[in-house]
C-alpha cells in the first residue's frame, strides 16, 4: 500500500513538471528504505528563509546546472517559473548575465558558483550574503545548493544521467553561459 501511494506522488510530480522520475521509481523498487531516506532530501532542497525568492531560485538553478546540464536544470527552471519567477530573469540567470539580473540575484549566482567551484571567493561572498540577508539566508542557500546537487548525482549513480540539452524558458530555448566541467567534451 505504501509503495502504491509513493508511486502516485511520483506520477503527480512527473505530470506537474513534465519530468521523468524513473530513477525514483527504480530506487523505490530496489530499496524502500533507501528511497525513504533519500526522500528526506527534498525538504532540505526546498528550504527558504530570509532569501528573496528570485535570488534563492537563481542559486538553485546554478547548483542544478553544476551537476547536470539537462533535465534537472530544466526542472529547477520549471519550478522557479511555477513559483512566479519571470521568464526574462530566468533567461538572464541561465546566461549568467549579472547586469540584467540585478544585485540580489547576482549575489546569489556568484555565491552559488563559488560554492560549487570551491572558489577562494566563498568567504567574501558568504559574508556579503550574511550582511545583506542574515544568517538564516546563508543557511537556506547552503542547504538548497547542497541538496539540489544530490538529485542529479543520484540519477547519474543509478544510470539515469542524460545528455546535455538546451533549457527551455517559456517558448525560448536558452544556451546556458557555462557547461559544467564534468559535461564538457
Foldseek 3Di string as FASTA:
>chain_A
DVLVVVVVVVVVVCVVQVADPVLLNVVCVVPVVVSVVLVVLVVLLPDADQAPLLLLLLLLLLLLQLQAQARLSLSSLSVSVVVPDALVLVLCSQQVVLVVNDDRNNLSSVQSVCVSVVHPCNVVSLVVQCVVGRDRRSSSSVRNSVSSNVVSVSCVVSPNGDAHDFHDRPNDTHDGNDHHPVRDD
